[in-house]
Amino acid sequence: MAKNGKKVRIFSALEVANICGVVNQTAINWIKSNHLKAFTTPGGQYRIYAEDLLSFLEGRGMRIPEELEDLQRQKDQDKVLIIDDDRELNDMLKQFFSRKMPDWQISQAFDGFEAGVVLSREKPDIVILDIDLPGVNGHQLCTKIKKDESLGSPVIISVSGLDDEAESEKIISEGADAFFAKPVDFGSLLAAVQDLVAARG
C-alpha cells in the first residue's frame, strides 16, 4: 500500500499497546469505544493507520515514537487536493502550486469517486473543486465535504467551465468559499486560497 509514493505504516493493536505501554486489551478497548480509529482485516484483526495512531497520541499528550515523527512533521504542512477531470489543467495547477508554495503537500483526483477516497485519506486543508465532474459531481461532493466533520471543514474553491451567476450562487450556498470560472487565473486563485486560509487562522 502506498501513499504519496511512500509505504503506509499500519499497526496492529498489540503494536499500539506496546507503544503506549499498556496491555493489548486496553488498545482493543480504545478501538471498540471509538477513541482510536481502526479497520478490521478479513481475519477479524484490528489494524490502525499511522496517521490515526498519531492523532490519538497527540490528542492525549502521549509520547510520539520515532517512526511517526516524520508523519507528525508532514501534518504541519498545508494539504491541497485538486479535483478536476481535465488532466491537463489538473497537472498544470499541481505544478503551479508546487512551484509557488513548495511547502504545500499537493494531491490530485480526477473524478468524484476518486476524490472521496483521497479526501478521506489525506484530509486536505484546501480543496480546488471542479463542479462538472463525472460520477459524483462537484455540487454533491461540496455538500458531502461540508457535512463530514471528520474532514475538518477545509477551504473549498470551486471552479467551473460555466461562467454563470446562478451556478456560482448555488455552489457557494452549498458551502464553497469561492467560485472561479474557467479559464482560471492561477494568480488570482492562489491569492484567494492564501486569503481564505489566513482568514481561518
C-alpha atoms as a PDB file:
ATOM      1  CA  MET A   1       0.000   0.000   0.000  1.00  0.00           C
ATOM      2  CA  ALA A   2       1.418   3.386  -0.949  1.00  0.00           C
ATOM      3  CA  LYS A   3       0.636   6.943  -0.056  1.00  0.00           C
ATOM      4  CA  ASN A   4       2.287   9.813  -1.893  1.00  0.00           C
ATOM      5  CA  GLY A   5       4.843   7.344  -3.200  1.00  0.00           C
ATOM      6  CA  LYS A   6       5.692   6.098   0.309  1.00  0.00           C
ATOM      7  CA  LYS A   7       4.731   2.905   2.076  1.00  0.00           C
ATOM      8  CA  VAL A   8       1.923   3.462   4.547  1.00  0.00           C
ATOM      9  CA  ARG A   9       2.688   2.132   8.033  1.00  0.00           C
ATOM     10  CA  ILE A  10      -0.106   0.107   9.588  1.00  0.00           C
ATOM     11  CA  PHE A  11      -0.051  -1.038  13.225  1.00  0.00           C
ATOM     12  CA  SER A  12      -1.691  -3.976  14.972  1.00  0.00           C
ATOM     13  CA  ALA A  13      -3.500  -3.494  18.270  1.00  0.00           C
ATOM     14  CA  LEU A  14      -0.607  -5.246  20.022  1.00  0.00           C
ATOM     15  CA  GLU A  15       1.929  -2.848  18.481  1.00  0.00           C
ATOM     16  CA  VAL A  16      -0.192   0.104  19.620  1.00  0.00           C
ATOM     17  CA  ALA A  17      -0.333  -1.403  23.110  1.00  0.00           C
ATOM     18  CA  ASN A  18       3.452  -1.747  23.192  1.00  0.00           C
ATOM     19  CA  ILE A  19       3.969   1.838  22.005  1.00  0.00           C
ATOM     20  CA  CYS A  20       1.569   3.161  24.648  1.00  0.00           C
ATOM     21  CA  GLY A  21       2.846   0.917  27.442  1.00  0.00           C
ATOM     22  CA  VAL A  22      -0.490  -0.820  28.027  1.00  0.00           C
ATOM     23  CA  VAL A  23      -1.816  -4.343  27.642  1.00  0.00           C
ATOM     24  CA  ASN A  24      -3.316  -5.480  24.337  1.00  0.00           C
ATOM     25  CA  GLN A  25      -6.888  -5.480  25.694  1.00  0.00           C
ATOM     26  CA  THR A  26      -6.606  -1.785  26.596  1.00  0.00           C
ATOM     27  CA  ALA A  27      -5.733  -0.924  22.989  1.00  0.00           C
ATOM     28  CA  ILE A  28      -8.685  -3.034  21.804  1.00  0.00           C
ATOM     29  CA  ASN A  29     -10.970  -1.236  24.251  1.00  0.00           C
ATOM     30  CA  TRP A  30      -9.809   2.127  22.834  1.00  0.00           C
ATOM     31  CA  ILE A  31     -10.781   0.887  19.374  1.00  0.00           C
ATOM     32  CA  LYS A  32     -14.147  -0.545  20.438  1.00  0.00           C
ATOM     33  CA  SER A  33     -15.057   2.701  22.225  1.00  0.00           C
ATOM     34  CA  ASN A  34     -14.150   4.702  19.072  1.00  0.00           C
ATOM     35  CA  HIS A  35     -11.326   6.582  20.801  1.00  0.00           C
ATOM     36  CA  LEU A  36      -8.825   5.071  18.362  1.00  0.00           C
ATOM     37  CA  LYS A  37      -9.824   4.768  14.700  1.00  0.00           C
ATOM     38  CA  ALA A  38      -9.144   1.351  13.194  1.00  0.00           C
ATOM     39  CA  PHE A  39     -10.265  -1.061  10.489  1.00  0.00           C
ATOM     40  CA  THR A  40     -10.717  -4.826  10.544  1.00  0.00           C
ATOM     41  CA  THR A  41      -8.887  -7.352   8.376  1.00  0.00           C
ATOM     42  CA  PRO A  42     -10.785 -10.217   6.687  1.00  0.00           C
ATOM     43  CA  GLY A  43      -9.484 -12.374   9.551  1.00  0.00           C
ATOM     44  CA  GLY A  44     -11.084 -10.106  12.149  1.00  0.00           C
ATOM     45  CA  GLN A  45      -7.878  -8.447  13.372  1.00  0.00           C
ATOM     46  CA  TYR A  46      -7.728  -4.726  14.130  1.00  0.00           C
ATOM     47  CA  ARG A  47      -5.330  -2.557  12.157  1.00  0.00           C
ATOM     48  CA  ILE A  48      -4.552   1.131  12.687  1.00  0.00           C
ATOM     49  CA  TYR A  49      -3.187   3.595  10.118  1.00  0.00           C
ATOM     50  CA  ALA A  50      -0.144   5.553  11.289  1.00  0.00           C
ATOM     51  CA  GLU A  51      -1.918   8.907  10.891  1.00  0.00           C
ATOM     52  CA  ASP A  52      -4.821   7.734  13.066  1.00  0.00           C
ATOM     53  CA  LEU A  53      -2.430   6.489  15.743  1.00  0.00           C
ATOM     54  CA  LEU A  54      -0.589   9.819  15.591  1.00  0.00           C
ATOM     55  CA  SER A  55      -3.841  11.751  16.060  1.00  0.00           C
ATOM     56  CA  PHE A  56      -4.727   9.529  19.025  1.00  0.00           C
ATOM     57  CA  LEU A  57      -1.328  10.024  20.687  1.00  0.00           C
ATOM     58  CA  GLU A  58      -1.323  13.781  20.078  1.00  0.00           C
ATOM     59  CA  GLY A  59      -4.841  14.136  21.457  1.00  0.00           C
ATOM     60  CA  ARG A  60      -3.762  12.540  24.726  1.00  0.00           C
ATOM     61  CA  GLY A  61      -0.348  14.156  25.023  1.00  0.00           C
ATOM     62  CA  MET A  62       1.392  10.780  24.773  1.00  0.00           C
ATOM     63  CA  ARG A  63       4.919  10.138  23.537  1.00  0.00           C
ATOM     64  CA  ILE A  64       5.319  10.127  19.738  1.00  0.00           C
ATOM     65  CA  PRO A  65       7.510   7.187  18.619  1.00  0.00           C
ATOM     66  CA  GLU A  66      10.414   7.989  16.324  1.00  0.00           C
ATOM     67  CA  GLU A  67       8.844   6.242  13.329  1.00  0.00           C
ATOM     68  CA  LEU A  68       5.870   8.642  13.487  1.00  0.00           C
ATOM     69  CA  GLU A  69       7.896  11.853  13.828  1.00  0.00           C
ATOM     70  CA  ASP A  70       8.184  12.331  10.038  1.00  0.00           C
ATOM     71  CA  LEU A  71       4.416  11.940   9.729  1.00  0.00           C
ATOM     72  CA  GLN A  72       3.954  14.495  12.508  1.00  0.00           C
ATOM     73  CA  ARG A  73       6.070  16.998  10.561  1.00  0.00           C
ATOM     74  CA  GLN A  74       4.040  16.338   7.395  1.00  0.00           C
ATOM     75  CA  LYS A  75       0.838  17.143   9.279  1.00  0.00           C
ATOM     76  CA  ASP A  76       2.110  20.674   9.807  1.00  0.00           C
ATOM     77  CA  GLN A  77       2.091  21.230   6.036  1.00  0.00           C
ATOM     78  CA  ASP A  78      -0.902  22.733   4.271  1.00  0.00           C
ATOM     79  CA  LYS A  79      -2.505  19.982   2.192  1.00  0.00           C
ATOM     80  CA  VAL A  80      -4.143  20.844  -1.120  1.00  0.00           C
ATOM     81  CA  LEU A  81      -6.380  18.494  -3.105  1.00  0.00           C
ATOM     82  CA  ILE A  82      -7.084  19.361  -6.749  1.00  0.00           C
ATOM     83  CA  ILE A  83     -10.227  17.651  -8.069  1.00  0.00           C
ATOM     84  CA  ASP A  84     -10.693  18.084 -11.815  1.00  0.00           C
ATOM     85  CA  ASP A  85     -11.257  15.553 -14.616  1.00  0.00           C
ATOM     86  CA  ASP A  86      -9.330  17.803 -17.046  1.00  0.00           C
ATOM     87  CA  ARG A  87      -5.972  16.100 -16.531  1.00  0.00           C
ATOM     88  CA  GLU A  88      -4.002  18.808 -18.305  1.00  0.00           C
ATOM     89  CA  LEU A  89      -5.464  21.558 -16.117  1.00  0.00           C
ATOM     90  CA  ASN A  90      -5.151  19.395 -13.003  1.00  0.00           C
ATOM     91  CA  ASP A  91      -1.456  18.795 -13.707  1.00  0.00           C
ATOM     92  CA  MET A  92      -0.857  22.477 -14.505  1.00  0.00           C
ATOM     93  CA  LEU A  93      -2.460  23.519 -11.209  1.00  0.00           C
ATOM     94  CA  LYS A  94      -0.346  20.998  -9.319  1.00  0.00           C
ATOM     95  CA  GLN A  95       2.844  22.275 -10.949  1.00  0.00           C
ATOM     96  CA  PHE A  96       1.835  25.885 -10.273  1.00  0.00           C
ATOM     97  CA  PHE A  97       1.086  25.335  -6.573  1.00  0.00           C
ATOM     98  CA  SER A  98       4.201  23.177  -6.134  1.00  0.00           C
ATOM     99  CA  ARG A  99       6.325  25.953  -7.622  1.00  0.00           C
ATOM    100  CA  LYS A 100       4.704  28.840  -5.768  1.00  0.00           C
ATOM    101  CA  MET A 101       4.211  27.067  -2.426  1.00  0.00           C
ATOM    102  CA  PRO A 102       6.869  24.324  -2.224  1.00  0.00           C
ATOM    103  CA  ASP A 103       5.998  23.536   1.406  1.00  0.00           C
ATOM    104  CA  TRP A 104       2.445  22.566   0.482  1.00  0.00           C
ATOM    105  CA  GLN A 105       1.536  18.914   0.010  1.00  0.00           C
ATOM    106  CA  ILE A 106      -0.396  18.583  -3.260  1.00  0.00           C
ATOM    107  CA  SER A 107      -2.723  15.674  -4.098  1.00  0.00           C
ATOM    108  CA  GLN A 108      -4.872  15.067  -7.173  1.00  0.00           C
ATOM    109  CA  ALA A 109      -8.148  13.344  -8.029  1.00  0.00           C
ATOM    110  CA  PHE A 110      -9.726  13.102 -11.471  1.00  0.00           C
ATOM    111  CA  ASP A 111     -13.340  12.200 -10.700  1.00  0.00           C
ATOM    112  CA  GLY A 112     -15.786  12.378  -7.831  1.00  0.00           C
ATOM    113  CA  PHE A 113     -15.345   8.791  -6.697  1.00  0.00           C
ATOM    114  CA  GLU A 114     -11.549   9.025  -6.557  1.00  0.00           C
ATOM    115  CA  ALA A 115     -11.934  12.362  -4.758  1.00  0.00           C
ATOM    116  CA  GLY A 116     -13.912  10.677  -1.974  1.00  0.00           C
ATOM    117  CA  VAL A 117     -11.076   8.222  -1.359  1.00  0.00           C
ATOM    118  CA  VAL A 118      -8.371  10.900  -1.366  1.00  0.00           C
ATOM    119  CA  LEU A 119     -10.411  13.236   0.847  1.00  0.00           C
ATOM    120  CA  SER A 120     -10.822  10.536   3.478  1.00  0.00           C
ATOM    121  CA  ARG A 121      -7.159   9.550   3.327  1.00  0.00           C
ATOM    122  CA  GLU A 122      -5.496  12.968   3.144  1.00  0.00           C
ATOM    123  CA  LYS A 123      -7.973  15.250   4.968  1.00  0.00           C
ATOM    124  CA  PRO A 124      -6.783  18.315   2.988  1.00  0.00           C
ATOM    125  CA  ASP A 125      -6.875  21.887   4.251  1.00  0.00           C
ATOM    126  CA  ILE A 126      -7.733  23.246   0.799  1.00  0.00           C
ATOM    127  CA  VAL A 127      -9.854  21.704  -1.972  1.00  0.00           C
ATOM    128  CA  ILE A 128      -9.847  23.016  -5.549  1.00  0.00           C
ATOM    129  CA  LEU A 129     -13.125  21.549  -6.774  1.00  0.00           C
ATOM    130  CA  ASP A 130     -14.317  21.364 -10.383  1.00  0.00           C
ATOM    131  CA  ILE A 131     -18.119  21.415 -10.411  1.00  0.00           C
ATOM    132  CA  ASP A 132     -18.513  19.495 -13.684  1.00  0.00           C
ATOM    133  CA  LEU A 133     -17.185  16.092 -12.635  1.00  0.00           C
ATOM    134  CA  PRO A 134     -18.187  12.665 -13.953  1.00  0.00           C
ATOM    135  CA  GLY A 135     -19.842  10.368 -11.435  1.00  0.00           C
ATOM    136  CA  VAL A 136     -20.264  12.307  -8.192  1.00  0.00           C
ATOM    137  CA  ASN A 137     -20.449  15.931  -9.364  1.00  0.00           C
ATOM    138  CA  GLY A 138     -18.992  18.964  -7.618  1.00  0.00           C
ATOM    139  CA  HIS A 139     -22.277  20.012  -6.039  1.00  0.00           C
ATOM    140  CA  GLN A 140     -22.737  16.608  -4.388  1.00  0.00           C
ATOM    141  CA  LEU A 141     -19.088  16.500  -3.340  1.00  0.00           C
ATOM    142  CA  CYS A 142     -19.141  20.002  -1.853  1.00  0.00           C
ATOM    143  CA  THR A 143     -22.197  19.133   0.246  1.00  0.00           C
ATOM    144  CA  LYS A 144     -20.577  15.874   1.377  1.00  0.00           C
ATOM    145  CA  ILE A 145     -17.352  17.625   2.402  1.00  0.00           C
ATOM    146  CA  LYS A 146     -19.218  20.191   4.474  1.00  0.00           C
ATOM    147  CA  LYS A 147     -21.335  17.555   6.236  1.00  0.00           C
ATOM    148  CA  ASP A 148     -18.393  15.254   7.046  1.00  0.00           C
ATOM    149  CA  GLU A 149     -16.954  16.564  10.316  1.00  0.00           C
ATOM    150  CA  SER A 150     -14.007  14.152  10.112  1.00  0.00           C
ATOM    151  CA  LEU A 151     -12.617  16.186   7.182  1.00  0.00           C
ATOM    152  CA  GLY A 152     -12.165  19.280   9.356  1.00  0.00           C
ATOM    153  CA  SER A 153     -14.081  21.726   7.138  1.00  0.00           C
ATOM    154  CA  PRO A 154     -11.423  22.504   4.508  1.00  0.00           C
ATOM    155  CA  VAL A 155     -11.418  25.658   2.389  1.00  0.00           C
ATOM    156  CA  ILE A 156     -13.264  24.864  -0.870  1.00  0.00           C
ATOM    157  CA  ILE A 157     -12.531  26.825  -4.051  1.00  0.00           C
ATOM    158  CA  SER A 158     -14.970  25.804  -6.786  1.00  0.00           C
ATOM    159  CA  VAL A 159     -14.215  26.129 -10.483  1.00  0.00           C
ATOM    160  CA  SER A 160     -16.466  25.649 -13.493  1.00  0.00           C
ATOM    161  CA  GLY A 161     -16.384  25.945 -17.247  1.00  0.00           C
ATOM    162  CA  LEU A 162     -19.792  27.602 -16.940  1.00  0.00           C
ATOM    163  CA  ASP A 163     -19.420  31.293 -16.014  1.00  0.00           C
ATOM    164  CA  ASP A 164     -22.927  31.605 -14.641  1.00  0.00           C
ATOM    165  CA  GLU A 165     -24.114  33.628 -11.645  1.00  0.00           C
ATOM    166  CA  ALA A 166     -26.707  31.007 -10.708  1.00  0.00           C
ATOM    167  CA  GLU A 167     -24.021  28.296 -10.751  1.00  0.00           C
ATOM    168  CA  SER A 168     -21.785  30.435  -8.559  1.00  0.00           C
ATOM    169  CA  GLU A 169     -24.564  31.197  -6.069  1.00  0.00           C
ATOM    170  CA  LYS A 170     -25.589  27.524  -5.896  1.00  0.00           C
ATOM    171  CA  ILE A 171     -22.127  26.185  -5.067  1.00  0.00           C
ATOM    172  CA  ILE A 172     -21.496  28.983  -2.545  1.00  0.00           C
ATOM    173  CA  SER A 173     -24.806  28.145  -0.844  1.00  0.00           C
ATOM    174  CA  GLU A 174     -23.642  24.526  -0.653  1.00  0.00           C
ATOM    175  CA  GLY A 175     -20.567  25.566   1.318  1.00  0.00           C
ATOM    176  CA  ALA A 176     -17.879  26.587  -1.179  1.00  0.00           C
ATOM    177  CA  ASP A 177     -15.770  29.554  -0.065  1.00  0.00           C
ATOM    178  CA  ALA A 178     -15.187  30.984  -3.547  1.00  0.00           C
ATOM    179  CA  PHE A 179     -16.025  30.441  -7.210  1.00  0.00           C
ATOM    180  CA  PHE A 180     -13.817  30.831 -10.300  1.00  0.00           C
ATOM    181  CA  ALA A 181     -14.900  30.448 -13.912  1.00  0.00           C
ATOM    182  CA  LYS A 182     -12.596  28.739 -16.405  1.00  0.00           C
ATOM    183  CA  PRO A 183     -10.159  29.597 -17.811  1.00  0.00           C
ATOM    184  CA  VAL A 184      -8.852  30.082 -14.286  1.00  0.00           C
ATOM    185  CA  ASP A 185      -6.423  32.893 -13.491  1.00  0.00           C
ATOM    186  CA  PHE A 186      -3.858  30.940 -11.467  1.00  0.00           C
ATOM    187  CA  GLY A 187      -2.516  34.020  -9.695  1.00  0.00           C
ATOM    188  CA  SER A 188      -5.969  35.100  -8.537  1.00  0.00           C
ATOM    189  CA  LEU A 189      -6.742  31.534  -7.468  1.00  0.00           C
ATOM    190  CA  LEU A 190      -3.586  31.347  -5.340  1.00  0.00           C
ATOM    191  CA  ALA A 191      -4.324  34.736  -3.778  1.00  0.00           C
ATOM    192  CA  ALA A 192      -7.851  33.616  -2.900  1.00  0.00           C
ATOM    193  CA  VAL A 193      -6.564  30.403  -1.323  1.00  0.00           C
ATOM    194  CA  GLN A 194      -3.987  32.286   0.747  1.00  0.00           C
ATOM    195  CA  ASP A 195      -6.532  34.885   1.882  1.00  0.00           C
ATOM    196  CA  LEU A 196      -9.104  32.258   2.885  1.00  0.00           C
ATOM    197  CA  VAL A 197      -6.552  30.160   4.767  1.00  0.00           C
ATOM    198  CA  ALA A 198      -5.242  33.240   6.567  1.00  0.00           C
ATOM    199  CA  ALA A 199      -8.794  34.302   7.494  1.00  0.00           C
ATOM    200  CA  ARG A 200      -9.346  30.963   9.195  1.00  0.00           C
ATOM    201  CA  GLY A 201      -6.156  31.442  11.215  1.00  0.00           C
END
